[in-house]
Amino acid sequence: MAEAPGATFDAGAVFYETTPQVKHTFRLLNTTGRPVRVEEIRKSCTCTEATFDRNSVAPGESVNLTMVVQSQPTFRDWNVSSSLVTDDPVNPFWTCYLRFRTYPRAQFERPVVDLGRVKTTSTDLGDGMTTYLEVFEPAQGERRSRPDFDLNYPPTLIVERDAEPIVDLLDSGRVRRLRYPIHLGVASATAHQLTTGTQTACLVVRTAAGLNLSTTATWTSHTPILAAPSNLSFGIVHVDGERVSRKFVLRANDGQPFRILAVTSDSPTVSLGVSPDVMKQPATSHTVELAYHRGAPSPKFPGGQIVVQTDRPEMPSLQLPWSAVAP
């Protein structure tokens, strides 16, 4: 049986920044020995526009099939097909394949960076991870100037970057890749929530050309001491001079007894409601009672930080935010 007319074209490396569309025209020769009528066209992807220039093809004549593919600004291999459906009883489908690989101007090497298990008392990069901001450009010609970009991230992350990239070649030397190392770590939990579990934070890169890229850092945090609740609310305090008490519990997450050495507040309106000598006894759990005393005048939404000092060398102090409503 004779093979159906068809063809494959490899467009190679395509840079989306300069070539958002990939176009190619295939010339299909009627080798069936009989007249053939093209009845319709079928495409493998909605990203493709496909057209042909004639409905009837005599033996030895050709029909032109043009494919236009709308690519995307991602690092991706494409293999898109279009088929002419004919009335040929032996080989009704005449199929053409358009292949290429797209390169964005830049991307993060990984959309998600897993930092693993992190002690929340760490204050440096420690056992953090390195990801890469990858920049792609044609290998022909001079290397482009270093792209200007700013890093934006929440205070839960520690971020450092190297000024010089690692340079290599891809696609048989046709593409130059510049990999800028970015080192990620988790900031100390003394300035953030004292929680154990999966945490996430987003790192965003903004370039001078207006390109926004992001990657998500995820980690499992482990703190030696847990606070419940991690945010202390005194609720609504209606009357000047009114006194409201609330309790929170500090628990050793690793089961090791600890002592509370001191509990202080950044506001004179919040004071310790029990004798500090009680909490200085070693225990795996301590209940702390605090009192809020509404002053006159009072802000509508008072709040601040409670600082607890412990005898745990890996967590000598921790902070607990407090709030109230004073209508």
Protein backbone atom coordinates (compact mmCIF):
# COMPACT_ATOMS: atom_id res chain seq x y z
CA MET A 1 0.00 0.00 0.00
CA ALA A 2 1.33 3.43 -0.97
CA GLU A 3 1.87 5.91 1.85
CA ALA A 4 -0.48 8.85 2.17
CA PRO A 5 0.90 12.24 1.13
CA GLY A 6 2.21 14.15 4.15
CA ALA A 7 5.21 16.01 5.50
CA THR A 8 7.01 17.16 8.66
CA PHE A 9 8.77 20.48 9.19
CA ASP A 10 10.98 21.31 12.16
CA ALA A 11 11.19 25.09 12.72
CA GLY A 12 13.82 24.65 15.45
CA ALA A 13 14.31 27.24 18.19
CA VAL A 14 11.64 29.96 18.30
CA PHE A 15 11.91 33.03 20.54
CA TYR A 16 8.42 34.14 21.51
CA GLU A 17 9.56 37.71 22.10
CA THR A 18 10.25 38.16 18.37
CA THR A 19 8.19 35.30 16.83
CA PRO A 20 4.83 34.81 18.57
CA GLN A 21 3.51 33.00 15.46
CA VAL A 22 5.10 30.07 13.63
CA LYS A 23 4.03 29.70 10.00
CA HIS A 24 4.86 27.13 7.34
CA THR A 25 3.34 26.04 4.01
CA PHE A 26 3.47 22.36 3.04
CA ARG A 27 3.30 21.28 -0.60
CA LEU A 28 1.49 17.92 -0.86
CA LEU A 29 1.80 15.99 -4.12
CA ASN A 30 -1.05 13.74 -5.21
CA THR A 31 0.68 10.40 -5.69
CA THR A 32 -2.49 8.28 -5.60
CA GLY A 33 -2.82 8.00 -9.42
CA ARG A 34 -6.43 9.25 -9.27
CA PRO A 35 -8.19 12.62 -8.86
CA VAL A 36 -8.74 13.48 -5.21
CA ARG A 37 -11.17 15.88 -3.61
CA VAL A 38 -10.37 17.62 -0.31
CA GLU A 39 -13.50 17.55 1.83
CA GLU A 40 -12.37 19.20 5.09
CA ILE A 41 -9.41 19.99 7.32
CA ARG A 42 -8.81 18.76 10.86
CA LYS A 43 -6.42 20.28 13.40
CA SER A 44 -4.85 18.81 16.52
CA CYS A 45 -4.86 22.13 18.40
CA THR A 46 -7.10 25.18 18.65
CA CYS A 47 -3.90 27.24 18.62
CA THR A 48 -3.59 26.52 14.89
CA GLU A 49 -5.05 28.16 11.80
CA ALA A 50 -4.90 25.84 8.79
CA THR A 51 -5.91 26.58 5.19
CA PHE A 52 -5.54 24.86 1.80
CA ASP A 53 -5.60 26.41 -1.67
CA ARG A 54 -7.66 23.97 -3.73
CA ASN A 55 -10.44 21.41 -3.34
CA SER A 56 -9.66 19.18 -6.34
CA VAL A 57 -6.19 17.72 -6.91
CA ALA A 58 -5.46 15.84 -10.14
CA PRO A 59 -2.83 13.05 -10.23
CA GLY A 60 0.65 14.61 -10.17
CA GLU A 61 -0.66 17.99 -8.98
CA SER A 62 -0.11 19.53 -5.56
CA VAL A 63 -2.18 21.20 -2.87
CA ASN A 64 -0.67 23.74 -0.47
CA LEU A 65 -1.50 23.39 3.22
CA THR A 66 -0.57 26.44 5.34
CA MET A 67 -0.33 26.20 9.13
CA VAL A 68 -0.06 29.19 11.49
CA VAL A 69 0.48 28.31 15.16
CA GLN A 70 -0.01 30.84 17.97
CA SER A 71 2.79 29.95 20.38
CA GLN A 72 3.15 30.83 24.06
CA PRO A 73 5.92 32.50 26.14
CA THR A 74 6.94 29.22 27.76
CA PHE A 75 9.79 26.75 27.41
CA ARG A 76 7.97 24.02 25.50
CA ASP A 77 8.27 21.48 22.68
CA TRP A 78 5.48 21.71 20.11
CA ASN A 79 4.28 19.04 17.68
CA VAL A 80 1.15 20.32 15.95
CA SER A 81 -0.62 18.54 13.11
CA SER A 82 -3.23 19.34 10.49
CA SER A 83 -4.87 16.78 8.20
CA LEU A 84 -6.60 17.18 4.87
CA VAL A 85 -9.55 14.78 4.80
CA THR A 86 -9.94 13.52 1.22
CA ASP A 87 -12.18 11.11 -0.67
CA ASP A 88 -9.22 8.81 -1.39
CA PRO A 89 -10.51 5.34 -0.37
CA VAL A 90 -7.03 4.06 0.51
CA ASN A 91 -5.38 7.01 2.32
CA PRO A 92 -8.06 9.57 3.15
CA PHE A 93 -5.92 11.57 5.65
CA TRP A 94 -3.03 13.67 4.34
CA THR A 95 -1.30 14.84 7.52
CA CYS A 96 1.39 17.45 8.08
CA TYR A 97 3.37 18.06 11.30
CA LEU A 98 4.90 21.36 12.40
CA ARG A 99 7.48 21.03 15.18
CA PHE A 100 9.41 23.64 17.13
CA ARG A 101 10.58 24.63 20.60
CA THR A 102 9.58 27.97 22.12
CA TYR A 103 11.77 30.00 24.45
CA PRO A 104 10.46 32.83 26.64
CA ARG A 105 12.62 35.87 27.32
CA ALA A 106 13.00 34.68 30.90
CA GLN A 107 11.55 32.18 33.35
CA PHE A 108 12.20 30.64 36.75
CA GLU A 109 13.81 27.23 36.50
CA ARG A 110 11.09 25.80 38.78
CA PRO A 111 7.60 27.20 39.43
CA VAL A 112 7.75 25.74 42.97
CA VAL A 113 10.84 25.52 45.19
CA ASP A 114 10.57 23.02 48.04
CA LEU A 115 12.79 24.10 50.94
CA GLY A 116 11.97 20.96 52.91
CA ARG A 117 11.80 20.89 56.69
CA VAL A 118 12.87 24.21 58.21
CA LYS A 119 13.45 25.12 61.84
CA THR A 120 11.62 28.37 62.44
CA THR A 121 14.43 29.56 64.73
CA SER A 122 16.87 29.74 61.81
CA THR A 123 17.97 33.29 60.97
CA ASP A 124 20.05 32.70 57.83
CA LEU A 125 19.93 30.77 54.57
CA GLY A 126 21.18 27.66 56.36
CA ASP A 127 19.95 24.62 54.46
CA GLY A 128 18.02 26.72 51.94
CA MET A 129 17.78 26.03 48.23
CA THR A 130 19.11 27.67 45.09
CA THR A 131 16.83 28.27 42.14
CA TYR A 132 17.69 30.01 38.89
CA LEU A 133 16.24 32.86 36.86
CA GLU A 134 16.85 31.73 33.29
CA VAL A 135 17.23 34.21 30.44
CA PHE A 136 17.20 32.98 26.81
CA GLU A 137 18.61 34.70 23.72
CA PRO A 138 19.93 33.75 20.25
CA ALA A 139 23.48 32.44 20.41
CA GLN A 140 24.45 34.35 17.28
CA GLY A 141 25.82 37.80 17.89
CA GLU A 142 26.97 39.52 21.05
CA ARG A 143 25.52 38.64 24.43
CA ARG A 144 22.80 41.06 25.46
CA SER A 145 23.36 43.40 28.34
CA ARG A 146 22.44 42.11 31.79
CA PRO A 147 18.65 42.43 32.27
CA ASP A 148 17.58 44.81 35.03
CA PHE A 149 15.21 43.15 37.48
CA ASP A 150 13.96 43.70 41.02
CA LEU A 151 13.13 40.98 43.52
CA ASN A 152 9.96 41.35 45.61
CA TYR A 153 9.21 38.95 48.45
CA PRO A 154 7.58 38.87 51.91
CA PRO A 155 9.60 39.10 55.15
CA THR A 156 9.17 35.36 55.70
CA LEU A 157 11.84 34.78 53.02
CA ILE A 158 15.57 35.48 52.97
CA VAL A 159 16.76 36.04 49.39
CA GLU A 160 20.25 36.51 47.98
CA ARG A 161 21.22 36.61 44.31
CA ASP A 162 24.46 36.33 42.37
CA ALA A 163 25.32 39.14 39.99
CA GLU A 164 26.96 36.96 37.34
CA PRO A 165 25.06 34.21 35.52
CA ILE A 166 26.07 30.69 34.53
CA VAL A 167 26.11 30.60 30.71
CA ASP A 168 25.54 27.55 28.50
CA LEU A 169 24.21 26.71 25.03
CA LEU A 170 21.06 24.79 24.06
CA ASP A 171 19.49 23.46 20.86
CA SER A 172 22.76 22.45 19.19
CA GLY A 173 24.34 25.79 20.03
CA ARG A 174 21.54 27.98 18.66
CA VAL A 175 20.29 29.26 22.03
CA ARG A 176 22.28 30.98 24.76
CA ARG A 177 20.96 30.46 28.30
CA LEU A 178 22.00 32.72 31.19
CA ARG A 179 21.15 31.26 34.62
CA TYR A 180 21.16 33.75 37.52
CA PRO A 181 21.40 31.90 40.88
CA ILE A 182 18.90 33.00 43.53
CA HIS A 183 19.34 31.56 47.02
CA LEU A 184 16.22 31.14 49.17
CA GLY A 185 15.87 30.60 52.90
CA VAL A 186 13.27 31.12 55.61
CA ALA A 187 13.44 34.02 58.07
CA SER A 188 13.22 33.55 61.82
CA ALA A 189 9.78 32.80 63.22
CA THR A 190 10.41 35.27 66.05
CA ALA A 191 9.13 37.93 63.67
CA HIS A 192 6.29 35.84 62.22
CA GLN A 193 3.65 33.34 63.22
CA LEU A 194 4.73 30.49 65.48
CA THR A 195 3.24 27.63 63.55
CA THR A 196 4.16 24.10 62.53
CA GLY A 197 3.03 22.88 59.13
CA THR A 198 3.30 23.65 55.43
CA GLN A 199 4.05 27.29 54.64
CA THR A 200 4.28 29.12 51.31
CA ALA A 201 5.61 32.45 50.08
CA CYS A 202 5.85 34.01 46.62
CA LEU A 203 8.98 35.52 45.06
CA VAL A 204 8.22 37.96 42.23
CA VAL A 205 10.69 39.33 39.67
CA ARG A 206 9.84 42.55 37.85
CA THR A 207 12.04 43.56 34.94
CA ALA A 208 12.62 47.02 33.52
CA ALA A 209 10.82 45.87 30.36
CA GLY A 210 7.62 45.21 32.35
CA LEU A 211 7.93 41.42 32.56
CA ASN A 212 6.59 39.84 35.78
CA LEU A 213 7.75 36.37 36.80
CA SER A 214 7.07 34.44 39.98
CA THR A 215 8.01 31.28 41.81
CA THR A 216 6.51 29.85 44.99
CA ALA A 217 8.66 28.70 47.91
CA THR A 218 7.14 26.03 50.11
CA TRP A 219 8.45 24.46 53.29
CA THR A 220 7.44 22.52 56.38
CA SER A 221 8.14 24.62 59.43
CA HIS A 222 8.98 23.21 62.83
CA THR A 223 9.12 25.38 65.94
CA PRO A 224 10.20 24.07 69.38
CA ILE A 225 7.44 26.05 71.11
CA LEU A 226 3.90 26.50 69.82
CA ALA A 227 1.55 29.32 70.84
CA ALA A 228 -2.22 28.80 70.84
CA PRO A 229 -3.76 31.04 69.78
CA SER A 230 -0.93 32.54 67.74
CA ASN A 231 -2.75 35.92 67.73
CA LEU A 232 -4.28 37.09 71.02
CA SER A 233 -7.51 39.07 70.72
CA PHE A 234 -9.09 40.85 73.68
CA GLY A 235 -12.26 41.40 71.66
CA ILE A 236 -14.46 44.50 72.03
CA VAL A 237 -13.78 46.64 75.12
CA HIS A 238 -16.59 49.21 75.40
CA VAL A 239 -15.86 51.31 78.48
CA ASP A 240 -12.83 53.36 79.49
CA GLY A 241 -11.23 51.71 82.49
CA GLU A 242 -12.71 48.29 81.64
CA ARG A 243 -10.38 45.34 82.18
CA VAL A 244 -10.49 42.20 79.99
CA SER A 245 -8.42 39.04 80.53
CA ARG A 246 -7.37 36.46 77.96
CA LYS A 247 -5.20 33.33 78.09
CA PHE A 248 -2.85 31.66 75.67
CA VAL A 249 -0.92 28.41 75.94
CA LEU A 250 2.74 27.82 75.16
CA ARG A 251 3.48 24.16 74.47
CA ALA A 252 6.77 22.36 73.86
CA ASN A 253 6.41 20.89 70.37
CA ASP A 254 9.26 18.46 71.02
CA GLY A 255 8.10 17.39 74.49
CA GLN A 256 11.06 18.98 76.31
CA PRO A 257 10.19 20.98 79.50
CA PHE A 258 11.01 24.69 79.45
CA ARG A 259 10.69 27.70 81.69
CA ILE A 260 9.21 31.12 80.98
CA LEU A 261 11.64 33.74 82.27
CA ALA A 262 9.63 36.86 81.51
CA VAL A 263 6.52 38.15 79.71
CA THR A 264 6.47 41.78 78.60
CA SER A 265 4.29 43.98 76.41
CA ASP A 266 5.12 46.98 74.26
CA SER A 267 2.07 48.76 75.71
CA PRO A 268 1.31 49.67 79.35
CA THR A 269 -2.33 48.75 78.72
CA VAL A 270 -1.44 45.03 78.64
CA SER A 271 -0.10 43.37 81.79
CA LEU A 272 0.58 39.91 83.15
CA GLY A 273 -2.41 38.50 85.02
CA VAL A 274 -0.61 35.79 87.06
CA SER A 275 2.53 35.63 89.18
CA PRO A 276 5.63 35.21 86.97
CA ASP A 277 7.12 32.84 89.56
CA VAL A 278 4.54 30.18 88.62
CA MET A 279 5.72 30.06 84.99
CA LYS A 280 9.39 29.79 85.93
CA GLN A 281 8.88 26.14 86.90
CA PRO A 282 9.92 23.70 84.12
CA ALA A 283 6.94 22.28 82.24
CA THR A 284 6.02 21.12 78.75
CA SER A 285 3.03 23.50 78.73
CA HIS A 286 2.39 26.91 80.26
CA THR A 287 -0.87 28.87 80.39
CA VAL A 288 -0.28 32.61 80.37
CA GLU A 289 -2.99 35.05 81.40
CA LEU A 290 -2.84 38.66 80.23
CA ALA A 291 -5.12 41.59 80.96
CA TYR A 292 -5.97 44.56 78.74
CA HIS A 293 -6.95 47.76 80.53
CA ARG A 294 -8.68 50.31 78.32
CA GLY A 295 -7.26 53.73 78.92
CA ALA A 296 -8.70 57.16 78.24
CA PRO A 297 -8.39 58.18 75.50
CA SER A 298 -7.95 54.92 73.59
CA PRO A 299 -7.32 54.26 69.88
CA LYS A 300 -10.16 52.52 68.12
CA PHE A 301 -8.02 49.49 67.21
CA PRO A 302 -5.26 49.12 69.80
CA GLY A 303 -2.65 46.42 69.25
CA GLY A 304 0.96 45.48 69.67
CA GLN A 305 3.39 42.70 70.55
CA ILE A 306 3.83 40.45 73.57
CA VAL A 307 7.38 39.19 74.08
CA VAL A 308 7.97 35.91 75.92
CA GLN A 309 11.49 34.98 77.06
CA THR A 310 12.28 31.30 77.68
CA ASP A 311 15.24 29.22 78.80
CA ARG A 312 15.35 27.33 75.48
CA PRO A 313 18.68 28.29 73.82
CA GLU A 314 17.31 27.58 70.35
CA MET A 315 14.30 29.83 71.02
CA PRO A 316 15.20 32.35 73.74
CA SER A 317 12.31 34.65 72.85
CA LEU A 318 9.16 34.73 70.78
CA GLN A 319 6.60 37.36 69.83
CA LEU A 320 2.83 37.14 69.99
CA PRO A 321 0.68 39.87 68.40
CA TRP A 322 -2.30 41.18 70.38
CA SER A 323 -5.28 43.31 69.37
CA ALA A 324 -8.51 44.77 70.69
CA VAL A 325 -11.41 46.92 69.54
CA ALA A 326 -12.28 50.04 71.56
CA PRO A 327 -15.34 51.66 69.90
